[in-house]
C-alpha atoms as a PDB file:
ATOM      1  CA  HIS A   1       0.000   0.000   0.000  1.00  0.00           C
ATOM      2  CA  THR A   2       2.841   2.420   0.840  1.00  0.00           C
ATOM      3  CA  MET A   3       4.277   1.762  -2.621  1.00  0.00           C
ATOM      4  CA  SER A   4       1.082   2.713  -4.447  1.00  0.00           C
ATOM      5  CA  ALA A   5       0.519   5.697  -2.098  1.00  0.00           C
ATOM      6  CA  ALA A   6       4.058   6.934  -2.840  1.00  0.00           C
ATOM      7  CA  THR A   7       3.475   6.514  -6.594  1.00  0.00           C
ATOM      8  CA  ALA A   8       0.155   8.384  -6.347  1.00  0.00           C
ATOM      9  CA  ALA A   9       1.830  11.196  -4.360  1.00  0.00           C
ATOM     10  CA  SER A  10       4.634  11.401  -6.960  1.00  0.00           C
ATOM     11  CA  PHE A  11       2.042  11.513  -9.749  1.00  0.00           C
ATOM     12  CA  LEU A  12       0.111  14.343  -8.060  1.00  0.00           C
ATOM     13  CA  GLY A  13       3.387  16.221  -7.478  1.00  0.00           C
ATOM     14  CA  CYS A  14       4.341  15.697 -11.112  1.00  0.00           C
ATOM     15  CA  LEU A  15       0.913  16.890 -12.294  1.00  0.00           C
ATOM     16  CA  GLY A  16       0.857  19.939  -9.989  1.00  0.00           C
ATOM     17  CA  PHE A  17       4.365  21.125 -10.885  1.00  0.00           C
ATOM     18  CA  SER A  18       3.700  20.491 -14.580  1.00  0.00           C
ATOM     19  CA  ILE A  19       0.532  22.666 -14.545  1.00  0.00           C
ATOM     20  CA  LEU A  20       2.287  25.444 -12.590  1.00  0.00           C
ATOM     21  CA  THR A  21       5.301  25.383 -14.953  1.00  0.00           C
ATOM     22  CA  ASP A  22       3.036  25.706 -18.023  1.00  0.00           C
ATOM     23  CA  ALA A  23       0.956  28.522 -16.508  1.00  0.00           C
ATOM     24  CA  LEU A  24       4.024  30.483 -15.389  1.00  0.00           C
ATOM     25  CA  THR A  25       5.839  29.905 -18.710  1.00  0.00           C
ATOM     26  CA  LYS A  26       2.881  31.304 -20.684  1.00  0.00           C
ATOM     27  CA  HIS A  27       2.531  34.204 -18.185  1.00  0.00           C
ATOM     28  CA  LEU A  28       6.212  35.173 -18.557  1.00  0.00           C
ATOM     29  CA  LEU A  29       6.013  35.052 -22.364  1.00  0.00           C
ATOM     30  CA  ARG A  30       2.767  37.045 -22.441  1.00  0.00           C
ATOM     31  CA  GLU A  31       3.255  39.644 -19.718  1.00  0.00           C
ATOM     32  CA  TYR A  32       7.010  40.237 -19.662  1.00  0.00           C
ATOM     33  CA  LEU A  33       9.210  39.198 -22.581  1.00  0.00           C
ATOM     34  CA  ASP A  34       8.216  37.108 -25.578  1.00  0.00           C
ATOM     35  CA  LEU A  35      11.721  35.626 -25.757  1.00  0.00           C
ATOM     36  CA  PRO A  36      11.762  31.783 -25.665  1.00  0.00           C
ATOM     37  CA  VAL A  37      15.597  31.631 -25.586  1.00  0.00           C
ATOM     38  CA  THR A  38      15.729  33.792 -22.421  1.00  0.00           C
ATOM     39  CA  LEU A  39      13.040  31.619 -20.854  1.00  0.00           C
ATOM     40  CA  THR A  40      14.936  28.396 -21.706  1.00  0.00           C
ATOM     41  CA  LEU A  41      18.228  29.718 -20.321  1.00  0.00           C
ATOM     42  CA  GLY A  42      16.449  30.800 -17.124  1.00  0.00           C
ATOM     43  CA  GLN A  43      14.789  27.385 -16.715  1.00  0.00           C
ATOM     44  CA  PHE A  44      18.030  25.443 -17.184  1.00  0.00           C
ATOM     45  CA  THR A  45      20.036  27.768 -14.906  1.00  0.00           C
ATOM     46  CA  ALA A  46      17.411  27.552 -12.149  1.00  0.00           C
ATOM     47  CA  SER A  47      17.257  23.744 -12.576  1.00  0.00           C
ATOM     48  CA  ALA A  48      21.062  23.575 -12.257  1.00  0.00           C
ATOM     49  CA  VAL A  49      20.935  25.656  -9.043  1.00  0.00           C
ATOM     50  CA  ALA A  50      17.971  23.646  -7.655  1.00  0.00           C
ATOM     51  CA  GLY A  51      19.811  20.372  -8.362  1.00  0.00           C
ATOM     52  CA  PHE A  52      22.952  21.661  -6.626  1.00  0.00           C
ATOM     53  CA  VAL A  53      20.939  22.638  -3.521  1.00  0.00           C
ATOM     54  CA  PHE A  54      19.041  19.308  -3.608  1.00  0.00           C
ATOM     55  CA  MET A  55      22.241  17.208  -3.689  1.00  0.00           C
ATOM     56  CA  TYR A  56      25.000  19.267  -2.076  1.00  0.00           C
ATOM     57  CA  VAL A  57      23.207  21.545   0.423  1.00  0.00           C
ATOM     58  CA  LEU A  58      20.178  19.520   1.544  1.00  0.00           C
ATOM     59  CA  ARG A  59      22.019  16.225   0.800  1.00  0.00           C
ATOM     60  CA  LEU A  60      18.765  14.560  -0.318  1.00  0.00           C
ATOM     61  CA  HIS A  61      20.544  12.559  -3.014  1.00  0.00           C
ATOM     62  CA  ALA A  62      24.142  11.345  -3.333  1.00  0.00           C
ATOM     63  CA  PRO A  63      26.142  13.035  -6.130  1.00  0.00           C
ATOM     64  CA  GLN A  64      28.218  10.727  -8.350  1.00  0.00           C
ATOM     65  CA  PRO A  65      31.815  11.320  -9.573  1.00  0.00           C
ATOM     66  CA  ARG A  66      32.122  13.427 -12.728  1.00  0.00           C
ATOM     67  CA  ASP A  67      35.375  12.738 -14.558  1.00  0.00           C
ATOM     68  CA  TRP A  68      35.609  13.443 -18.303  1.00  0.00           C
ATOM     69  CA  THR A  69      35.418   9.738 -19.260  1.00  0.00           C
ATOM     70  CA  ARG A  70      32.008   9.506 -17.578  1.00  0.00           C
ATOM     71  CA  LEU A  71      30.854  12.911 -18.839  1.00  0.00           C
ATOM     72  CA  ARG A  72      31.839  12.614 -22.508  1.00  0.00           C
ATOM     73  CA  PRO A  73      28.916  10.360 -23.585  1.00  0.00           C
ATOM     74  CA  VAL A  74      26.477  12.761 -21.853  1.00  0.00           C
ATOM     75  CA  VAL A  75      27.491  15.785 -24.012  1.00  0.00           C
ATOM     76  CA  PRO A  76      25.272  14.930 -27.052  1.00  0.00           C
ATOM     77  CA  ILE A  77      22.343  14.387 -24.653  1.00  0.00           C
ATOM     78  CA  MET A  78      22.973  17.877 -23.197  1.00  0.00           C
ATOM     79  CA  GLY A  79      22.864  19.369 -26.701  1.00  0.00           C
ATOM     80  CA  LEU A  80      19.635  17.543 -27.588  1.00  0.00           C
ATOM     81  CA  GLN A  81      18.063  18.577 -24.267  1.00  0.00           C
ATOM     82  CA  ALA A  82      18.926  22.227 -25.035  1.00  0.00           C
ATOM     83  CA  ALA A  83      17.533  22.020 -28.600  1.00  0.00           C
ATOM     84  CA  GLY A  84      14.423  20.109 -27.415  1.00  0.00           C
ATOM     85  CA  PHE A  85      13.476  22.649 -24.748  1.00  0.00           C
ATOM     86  CA  LEU A  86      14.301  25.631 -26.950  1.00  0.00           C
ATOM     87  CA  SER A  87      11.876  24.342 -29.572  1.00  0.00           C
ATOM     88  CA  THR A  88       9.252  23.459 -26.894  1.00  0.00           C
ATOM     89  CA  ASN A  89       9.347  27.049 -25.599  1.00  0.00           C
ATOM     90  CA  PHE A  90       9.125  28.452 -29.141  1.00  0.00           C
ATOM     91  CA  SER A  91       6.028  26.276 -29.557  1.00  0.00           C
ATOM     92  CA  VAL A  92       4.523  27.505 -26.241  1.00  0.00           C
ATOM     93  CA  ALA A  93       5.182  31.110 -27.318  1.00  0.00           C
ATOM     94  CA  SER A  94       3.412  30.580 -30.658  1.00  0.00           C
ATOM     95  CA  VAL A  95       0.342  28.405 -29.922  1.00  0.00           C
ATOM     96  CA  ALA A  96      -2.048  27.450 -27.092  1.00  0.00           C
ATOM     97  CA  VAL A  97      -0.579  25.234 -24.332  1.00  0.00           C
ATOM     98  CA  SER A  98      -3.262  22.585 -25.052  1.00  0.00           C
ATOM     99  CA  PHE A  99      -2.237  22.369 -28.734  1.00  0.00           C
ATOM    100  CA  MET A 100       1.468  22.246 -27.851  1.00  0.00           C
ATOM    101  CA  HIS A 101       0.815  19.274 -25.524  1.00  0.00           C
ATOM    102  CA  THR A 102      -1.199  17.495 -28.234  1.00  0.00           C
ATOM    103  CA  ILE A 103       1.781  17.792 -30.603  1.00  0.00           C
ATOM    104  CA  LYS A 104       4.208  16.728 -27.846  1.00  0.00           C
ATOM    105  CA  ALA A 105       2.157  13.616 -27.070  1.00  0.00           C
ATOM    106  CA  SER A 106       3.051  12.215 -30.522  1.00  0.00           C
ATOM    107  CA  GLU A 107       6.778  11.930 -29.659  1.00  0.00           C
ATOM    108  CA  SER A 108       6.567   8.105 -29.969  1.00  0.00           C
ATOM    109  CA  VAL A 109       6.177   8.467 -33.757  1.00  0.00           C
ATOM    110  CA  PHE A 110       9.665   9.986 -33.950  1.00  0.00           C
ATOM    111  CA  THR A 111      11.118   7.543 -31.397  1.00  0.00           C
ATOM    112  CA  ALA A 112       9.881   4.498 -33.361  1.00  0.00           C
ATOM    113  CA  LEU A 113      11.150   5.885 -36.697  1.00  0.00           C
ATOM    114  CA  LEU A 114      14.562   6.902 -35.316  1.00  0.00           C
ATOM    115  CA  ALA A 115      14.954   3.521 -33.577  1.00  0.00           C
ATOM    116  CA  LEU A 116      14.348   1.898 -36.972  1.00  0.00           C
ATOM    117  CA  LEU A 117      16.639   4.230 -38.964  1.00  0.00           C
ATOM    118  CA  VAL A 118      19.489   4.662 -36.447  1.00  0.00           C
ATOM    119  CA  LEU A 119      19.459   1.534 -34.262  1.00  0.00           C
ATOM    120  CA  GLY A 120      17.975  -0.773 -36.923  1.00  0.00           C
ATOM    121  CA  LYS A 121      15.273  -1.801 -34.422  1.00  0.00           C
ATOM    122  CA  ARG A 122      12.224  -3.344 -36.045  1.00  0.00           C
ATOM    123  CA  TYR A 123       9.002  -3.601 -34.069  1.00  0.00           C
ATOM    124  CA  SER A 124       5.848  -5.616 -34.747  1.00  0.00           C
ATOM    125  CA  PHE A 125       3.175  -4.408 -37.185  1.00  0.00           C
ATOM    126  CA  SER A 126       0.805  -3.526 -34.306  1.00  0.00           C
ATOM    127  CA  VAL A 127       3.418  -1.112 -32.872  1.00  0.00           C
ATOM    128  CA  TYR A 128       3.612   0.806 -36.165  1.00  0.00           C
ATOM    129  CA  LEU A 129      -0.166   0.616 -36.590  1.00  0.00           C
ATOM    130  CA  ALA A 130      -0.599   2.404 -33.243  1.00  0.00           C
ATOM    131  CA  LEU A 131       1.329   5.394 -34.641  1.00  0.00           C
ATOM    132  CA  VAL A 132      -1.456   6.063 -37.199  1.00  0.00           C
ATOM    133  CA  PRO A 133      -4.037   7.567 -34.759  1.00  0.00           C
ATOM    134  CA  MET A 134      -1.278   9.812 -33.346  1.00  0.00           C
ATOM    135  CA  VAL A 135      -0.434  11.231 -36.779  1.00  0.00           C
ATOM    136  CA  VAL A 136      -4.125  11.604 -37.726  1.00  0.00           C
ATOM    137  CA  GLY A 137      -4.897  13.184 -34.327  1.00  0.00           C
ATOM    138  CA  VAL A 138      -2.145  15.819 -34.617  1.00  0.00           C
ATOM    139  CA  ALA A 139      -3.234  16.585 -38.208  1.00  0.00           C
ATOM    140  CA  LEU A 140      -6.871  16.955 -37.128  1.00  0.00           C
ATOM    141  CA  SER A 141      -5.944  19.151 -34.133  1.00  0.00           C
ATOM    142  CA  SER A 142      -3.759  21.325 -36.394  1.00  0.00           C
ATOM    143  CA  LYS A 143      -6.590  21.729 -38.894  1.00  0.00           C
ATOM    144  CA  THR A 144      -9.131  22.776 -36.243  1.00  0.00           C
ATOM    145  CA  GLU A 145      -6.847  24.699 -33.838  1.00  0.00           C
ATOM    146  CA  PHE A 146      -7.795  28.382 -33.387  1.00  0.00           C
ATOM    147  CA  SER A 147      -4.303  29.377 -32.202  1.00  0.00           C
ATOM    148  CA  PHE A 148      -2.649  27.461 -35.073  1.00  0.00           C
ATOM    149  CA  ASN A 149       0.463  28.830 -36.715  1.00  0.00           C
ATOM    150  CA  MET A 150       3.149  26.997 -38.654  1.00  0.00           C
ATOM    151  CA  LEU A 151       6.030  28.050 -36.355  1.00  0.00           C
ATOM    152  CA  GLY A 152       4.216  26.602 -33.324  1.00  0.00           C
ATOM    153  CA  LEU A 153       3.540  23.296 -35.106  1.00  0.00           C
ATOM    154  CA  LEU A 154       7.072  22.965 -36.545  1.00  0.00           C
ATOM    155  CA  ALA A 155       8.712  23.934 -33.229  1.00  0.00           C
ATOM    156  CA  GLY A 156       6.608  21.292 -31.427  1.00  0.00           C
ATOM    157  CA  LEU A 157       7.511  18.627 -34.002  1.00  0.00           C
ATOM    158  CA  LEU A 158      11.203  19.629 -33.862  1.00  0.00           C
ATOM    159  CA  SER A 159      11.154  19.255 -30.071  1.00  0.00           C
ATOM    160  CA  ASN A 160       9.658  15.747 -30.541  1.00  0.00           C
ATOM    161  CA  LEU A 161      12.497  14.921 -32.928  1.00  0.00           C
ATOM    162  CA  CYS A 162      15.113  16.213 -30.439  1.00  0.00           C
ATOM    163  CA  PHE A 163      13.673  14.264 -27.501  1.00  0.00           C
ATOM    164  CA  ALA A 164      13.275  11.100 -29.591  1.00  0.00           C
ATOM    165  CA  ALA A 165      16.911  11.500 -30.692  1.00  0.00           C
ATOM    166  CA  ARG A 166      17.830  11.953 -27.016  1.00  0.00           C
ATOM    167  CA  SER A 167      16.209   8.553 -26.226  1.00  0.00           C
ATOM    168  CA  VAL A 168      18.042   6.865 -29.117  1.00  0.00           C
ATOM    169  CA  VAL A 169      21.396   8.491 -28.266  1.00  0.00           C
ATOM    170  CA  SER A 170      20.944   7.492 -24.602  1.00  0.00           C
ATOM    171  CA  GLU A 171      20.464   3.902 -25.720  1.00  0.00           C
ATOM    172  CA  LEU A 172      23.590   4.094 -27.904  1.00  0.00           C
ATOM    173  CA  VAL A 173      25.904   5.670 -25.314  1.00  0.00           C
ATOM    174  CA  PHE A 174      24.653   3.980 -22.164  1.00  0.00           C
ATOM    175  CA  SER A 175      25.324   0.328 -22.772  1.00  0.00           C
ATOM    176  CA  LYS A 176      25.939   0.355 -19.013  1.00  0.00           C
ATOM    177  CA  ARG A 177      24.464   2.790 -16.490  1.00  0.00           C
ATOM    178  CA  VAL A 178      27.003   5.501 -15.662  1.00  0.00           C
ATOM    179  CA  TYR A 179      24.710   7.816 -13.684  1.00  0.00           C
ATOM    180  CA  ASP A 180      21.411   7.374 -11.879  1.00  0.00           C
ATOM    181  CA  ASP A 181      18.416   9.361 -13.210  1.00  0.00           C
ATOM    182  CA  ILE A 182      18.655  12.345 -10.854  1.00  0.00           C
ATOM    183  CA  ASN A 183      22.418  12.833 -11.305  1.00  0.00           C
ATOM    184  CA  LEU A 184      22.020  12.465 -15.063  1.00  0.00           C
ATOM    185  CA  TYR A 185      19.127  14.942 -15.229  1.00  0.00           C
ATOM    186  CA  TRP A 186      21.046  17.509 -13.148  1.00  0.00           C
ATOM    187  CA  LEU A 187      24.189  17.185 -15.293  1.00  0.00           C
ATOM    188  CA  VAL A 188      22.120  17.436 -18.479  1.00  0.00           C
ATOM    189  CA  CYS A 189      20.493  20.669 -17.181  1.00  0.00           C
ATOM    190  CA  CYS A 190      23.915  22.162 -16.344  1.00  0.00           C
ATOM    191  CA  GLY A 191      25.255  21.211 -19.795  1.00  0.00           C
ATOM    192  CA  ALA A 192      22.108  22.414 -21.588  1.00  0.00           C
ATOM    193  CA  ALA A 193      22.465  25.830 -19.884  1.00  0.00           C
ATOM    194  CA  VAL A 194      26.030  26.030 -21.268  1.00  0.00           C
ATOM    195  CA  PHE A 195      24.717  25.146 -24.765  1.00  0.00           C
ATOM    196  CA  VAL A 196      21.942  27.773 -24.622  1.00  0.00           C
ATOM    197  CA  LEU A 197      24.145  30.610 -23.262  1.00  0.00           C
ATOM    198  CA  PRO A 198      25.937  31.503 -26.565  1.00  0.00           C
ATOM    199  CA  VAL A 199      22.577  31.343 -28.414  1.00  0.00           C
ATOM    200  CA  TRP A 200      21.120  33.746 -25.822  1.00  0.00           C
ATOM    201  CA  LEU A 201      24.082  36.148 -26.076  1.00  0.00           C
ATOM    202  CA  LEU A 202      23.606  36.311 -29.848  1.00  0.00           C
ATOM    203  CA  SER A 203      19.802  36.447 -29.935  1.00  0.00           C
ATOM    204  CA  ASP A 204      18.348  37.996 -26.753  1.00  0.00           C
ATOM    205  CA  TYR A 205      21.081  39.679 -24.665  1.00  0.00           C
ATOM    206  CA  GLY A 206      20.730  43.144 -26.264  1.00  0.00           C
ATOM    207  CA  THR A 207      16.924  43.052 -26.208  1.00  0.00           C
ATOM    208  CA  VAL A 208      16.810  42.010 -22.523  1.00  0.00           C
ATOM    209  CA  LEU A 209      19.313  44.731 -21.572  1.00  0.00           C
ATOM    210  CA  ALA A 210      17.342  47.432 -23.435  1.00  0.00           C
ATOM    211  CA  TRP A 211      14.057  46.160 -21.913  1.00  0.00           C
ATOM    212  CA  ALA A 212      15.482  46.164 -18.349  1.00  0.00           C
ATOM    213  CA  GLN A 213      16.552  49.822 -18.682  1.00  0.00           C
ATOM    214  CA  GLN A 214      13.073  51.057 -19.621  1.00  0.00           C
ATOM    215  CA  PRO A 215      10.855  52.484 -16.853  1.00  0.00           C
ATOM    216  CA  HIS A 216       8.039  50.301 -15.381  1.00  0.00           C
ATOM    217  CA  THR A 217       9.455  46.972 -16.632  1.00  0.00           C
ATOM    218  CA  GLN A 218      10.208  45.313 -13.227  1.00  0.00           C
ATOM    219  CA  PRO A 219      13.261  43.264 -14.333  1.00  0.00           C
ATOM    220  CA  LEU A 220      13.821  41.959 -10.782  1.00  0.00           C
ATOM    221  CA  GLN A 221      10.306  40.535 -10.606  1.00  0.00           C
ATOM    222  CA  PHE A 222      10.858  38.916 -14.019  1.00  0.00           C
ATOM    223  CA  VAL A 223      14.152  37.276 -12.912  1.00  0.00           C
ATOM    224  CA  LEU A 224      12.507  36.017  -9.705  1.00  0.00           C
ATOM    225  CA  LEU A 225       9.527  34.520 -11.589  1.00  0.00           C
ATOM    226  CA  LEU A 226      11.869  33.012 -14.171  1.00  0.00           C
ATOM    227  CA  PHE A 227      13.865  31.370 -11.367  1.00  0.00           C
ATOM    228  CA  VAL A 228      10.661  30.039  -9.749  1.00  0.00           C
ATOM    229  CA  CYS A 229       9.598  28.686 -13.159  1.00  0.00           C
ATOM    230  CA  GLY A 230      12.928  26.816 -13.459  1.00  0.00           C
ATOM    231  CA  VAL A 231      12.654  25.368  -9.935  1.00  0.00           C
ATOM    232  CA  LEU A 232       9.078  24.185 -10.675  1.00  0.00           C
ATOM    233  CA  HIS A 233      10.370  22.608 -13.877  1.00  0.00           C
ATOM    234  CA  PHE A 234      13.151  20.820 -11.975  1.00  0.00           C
ATOM    235  CA  SER A 235      10.626  19.595  -9.357  1.00  0.00           C
ATOM    236  CA  TYR A 236       8.287  18.263 -12.061  1.00  0.00           C
ATOM    237  CA  ASN A 237      11.124  16.242 -13.617  1.00  0.00           C
ATOM    238  CA  LEU A 238      12.262  15.034 -10.197  1.00  0.00           C
ATOM    239  CA  PHE A 239       8.785  13.627  -9.520  1.00  0.00           C
ATOM    240  CA  SER A 240       8.748  12.134 -13.015  1.00  0.00           C
ATOM    241  CA  PHE A 241      11.947  10.188 -12.216  1.00  0.00           C
ATOM    242  CA  MET A 242      10.473   9.096  -8.883  1.00  0.00           C
ATOM    243  CA  ILE A 243       7.471   7.626 -10.754  1.00  0.00           C
ATOM    244  CA  LEU A 244       9.825   5.867 -13.200  1.00  0.00           C
ATOM    245  CA  SER A 245      11.847   4.365 -10.334  1.00  0.00           C
ATOM    246  CA  ARG A 246       8.671   3.135  -8.580  1.00  0.00           C
ATOM    247  CA  THR A 247       6.875   1.762 -11.656  1.00  0.00           C
ATOM    248  CA  GLY A 248       7.889   0.148 -14.932  1.00  0.00           C
ATOM    249  CA  PRO A 249       8.361   2.083 -18.193  1.00  0.00           C
ATOM    250  CA  LEU A 250       4.871   0.974 -19.286  1.00  0.00           C
ATOM    251  CA  THR A 251       3.061   2.439 -16.257  1.00  0.00           C
ATOM    252  CA  HIS A 252       5.268   5.520 -16.558  1.00  0.00           C
ATOM    253  CA  VAL A 253       4.111   6.176 -20.141  1.00  0.00           C
ATOM    254  CA  VAL A 254       0.447   5.602 -19.244  1.00  0.00           C
ATOM    255  CA  LEU A 255       0.678   7.934 -16.218  1.00  0.00           C
ATOM    256  CA  HIS A 256       2.364  10.571 -18.374  1.00  0.00           C
ATOM    257  CA  ALA A 257      -0.400  10.264 -20.963  1.00  0.00           C
ATOM    258  CA  VAL A 258      -2.998  10.755 -18.200  1.00  0.00           C
ATOM    259  CA  ARG A 259      -0.955  13.705 -16.829  1.00  0.00           C
ATOM    260  CA  ARG A 260      -0.845  15.307 -20.294  1.00  0.00           C
ATOM    261  CA  ILE A 261      -4.639  14.914 -20.749  1.00  0.00           C
ATOM    262  CA  LEU A 262      -5.233  16.599 -17.369  1.00  0.00           C
ATOM    263  CA  VAL A 263      -2.731  19.379 -18.201  1.00  0.00           C
ATOM    264  CA  ILE A 264      -4.498  19.969 -21.542  1.00  0.00           C
ATOM    265  CA  LEU A 265      -7.943  20.135 -19.898  1.00  0.00           C
ATOM    266  CA  PHE A 266      -6.622  22.466 -17.199  1.00  0.00           C
ATOM    267  CA  SER A 267      -4.942  24.775 -19.738  1.00  0.00           C
ATOM    268  CA  ILE A 268      -8.136  24.936 -21.861  1.00  0.00           C
ATOM    269  CA  ALA A 269     -10.089  26.006 -18.745  1.00  0.00           C
ATOM    270  CA  TYR A 270      -7.379  28.330 -17.347  1.00  0.00           C
ATOM    271  CA  PHE A 271      -6.400  30.121 -20.569  1.00  0.00           C
ATOM    272  CA  ARG A 272     -10.002  29.922 -21.907  1.00  0.00           C
ATOM    273  CA  ASN A 273      -8.834  28.574 -25.280  1.00  0.00           C
ATOM    274  CA  PRO A 274     -11.685  28.067 -27.766  1.00  0.00           C
ATOM    275  CA  VAL A 275     -11.785  24.349 -28.685  1.00  0.00           C
ATOM    276  CA  THR A 276     -14.008  22.650 -31.284  1.00  0.00           C
ATOM    277  CA  SER A 277     -15.404  19.122 -31.029  1.00  0.00           C
ATOM    278  CA  LEU A 278     -13.100  18.069 -33.926  1.00  0.00           C
ATOM    279  CA  ASN A 279     -10.155  19.444 -31.979  1.00  0.00           C
ATOM    280  CA  TYR A 280     -11.153  17.301 -28.982  1.00  0.00           C
ATOM    281  CA  LEU A 281     -11.455  14.324 -31.342  1.00  0.00           C
ATOM    282  CA  GLY A 282      -7.901  14.982 -32.592  1.00  0.00           C
ATOM    283  CA  MET A 283      -6.593  15.061 -28.996  1.00  0.00           C
ATOM    284  CA  ALA A 284      -8.481  11.855 -28.157  1.00  0.00           C
ATOM    285  CA  LEU A 285      -6.991  10.090 -31.212  1.00  0.00           C
ATOM    286  CA  VAL A 286      -3.463  11.092 -30.148  1.00  0.00           C
ATOM    287  CA  PHE A 287      -3.977   9.621 -26.670  1.00  0.00           C
ATOM    288  CA  VAL A 288      -5.615   6.439 -27.973  1.00  0.00           C
ATOM    289  CA  GLY A 289      -2.511   6.101 -30.165  1.00  0.00           C
ATOM    290  CA  VAL A 290      -0.151   6.679 -27.214  1.00  0.00           C
ATOM    291  CA  LEU A 291      -1.849   3.998 -25.103  1.00  0.00           C
ATOM    292  CA  ALA A 292      -2.135   1.527 -28.030  1.00  0.00           C
ATOM    293  CA  TYR A 293       1.556   2.097 -28.885  1.00  0.00           C
ATOM    294  CA  THR A 294       2.610   1.535 -25.252  1.00  0.00           C
ATOM    295  CA  TRP A 295       0.555  -1.666 -25.020  1.00  0.00           C
ATOM    296  CA  ALA A 296       1.767  -3.008 -28.409  1.00  0.00           C
ATOM    297  CA  LEU A 297       5.395  -2.208 -27.535  1.00  0.00           C
ATOM    298  CA  ALA A 298       5.102  -3.980 -24.166  1.00  0.00           C
ATOM    299  CA  ARG A 299       3.639  -7.078 -25.884  1.00  0.00           C
ATOM    300  CA  PHE A 300       6.396  -7.011 -28.522  1.00  0.00           C
ATOM    301  CA  ARG A 301       9.141  -6.781 -25.849  1.00  0.00           C
ATOM    302  CA  ALA A 302       7.587  -9.590 -23.800  1.00  0.00           C
ATOM    303  CA  ALA A 303       7.489 -11.817 -26.914  1.00  0.00           C
ATOM    304  CA  GLN A 304      11.160 -10.966 -27.641  1.00  0.00           C
ATOM    305  CA  GLN A 305      12.156 -11.921 -24.088  1.00  0.00           C
ATOM    306  CA  ARG A 306      10.310 -15.237 -24.375  1.00  0.00           C
ATOM    307  CA  LYS A 307      12.165 -15.974 -27.633  1.00  0.00           C
ATOM    308  CA  GLU A 308      15.524 -15.216 -26.008  1.00  0.00           C
ATOM    309  CA  LYS A 309      14.782 -17.606 -23.130  1.00  0.00           C
ATOM    310  CA  GLN A 310      13.959 -20.525 -25.457  1.00  0.00           C
END
C-alpha cells in the first residue's frame, strides 16, 4: 500500500508542478518578454541551481563522480536537451498550451522511426499501426486549432524529434548505467544551460538589456519569476523520475499520458482557449494512439524476451 501511495503522491506532485510550470511559462512570455531563448536559459540555470541545492546543500541525493570519461557520452544528450526545450518554448510562445501538448504527445512516432533508422530496431506491425491515430490526431488538431500557426507546429515537431533523438542516443551511449536518473538529469540541465548561453548572447542579450533599462518593466520581478519557473520545472522532472523508479516504463508512459490529458484540460479552462469538437477528437486520437503504442510495444518486448529464453 505504501508503494502505491508513494506513486500516487509522486504523480500528483508531477501533475501539480507540470501545470504550474506551463501557466508560469505562458505568463512570462505574455506579460514580460516574448523571448523563448531567455526563458529556456532561465529554466536550465534555475534547474542547475535547484539540483545543486538538492544534492549538495540539503544532501537529499548522493552526487556521483564526474570525470571526463564519464561525462563525454552525456554531451550529445545535453545538446539535444537544449535544442528540445528551446523548440518546446518556441512552440509555447506561438500556440495554445493545449495544442502544444497534443503535438508533444506524438513523440513516440519519432522515437519508433529513429529507432528503426538509427538503431535498426524493427518492431511488430501492431506497434507501427498504433502510430497512425497519433499522426491523424495531430493533423486533425492542427486543422481545427484556433491558435494554429506553422512556427508553433514545426517547433513542437522539432522538439519531438530532439527528444526522440535523445532517447536513441541514450540507448547508444549507455550500454551500461554511468549515472542514476537524478544525477544524469542535473548534469544534463547544467550542460544544456552552457549550450543555450551563446545562443542567448547572440539572440536575446541586447533586447533584454534594453528592456530592463526602460521604466516600469520590473526586471527583478521577471528574474525572480523566471527562477521560480525553473525550480518548478526541476521539481516536475524530479517527480517524473520518482514515478519511473517506482513503476515500470509501461506504467510511466500511461501515467504521463494521463498527466498530459489533465494538463491539456486544465490549460483549456485556465487560458479559456476556444476548442471545437473536432479538436477534442484529434486530442483523443493522439492519446488512444499513445496507449495503443505503449501496449503493443510492451507485448512485442515480452514476446522478444520469451524468444531469447527458449
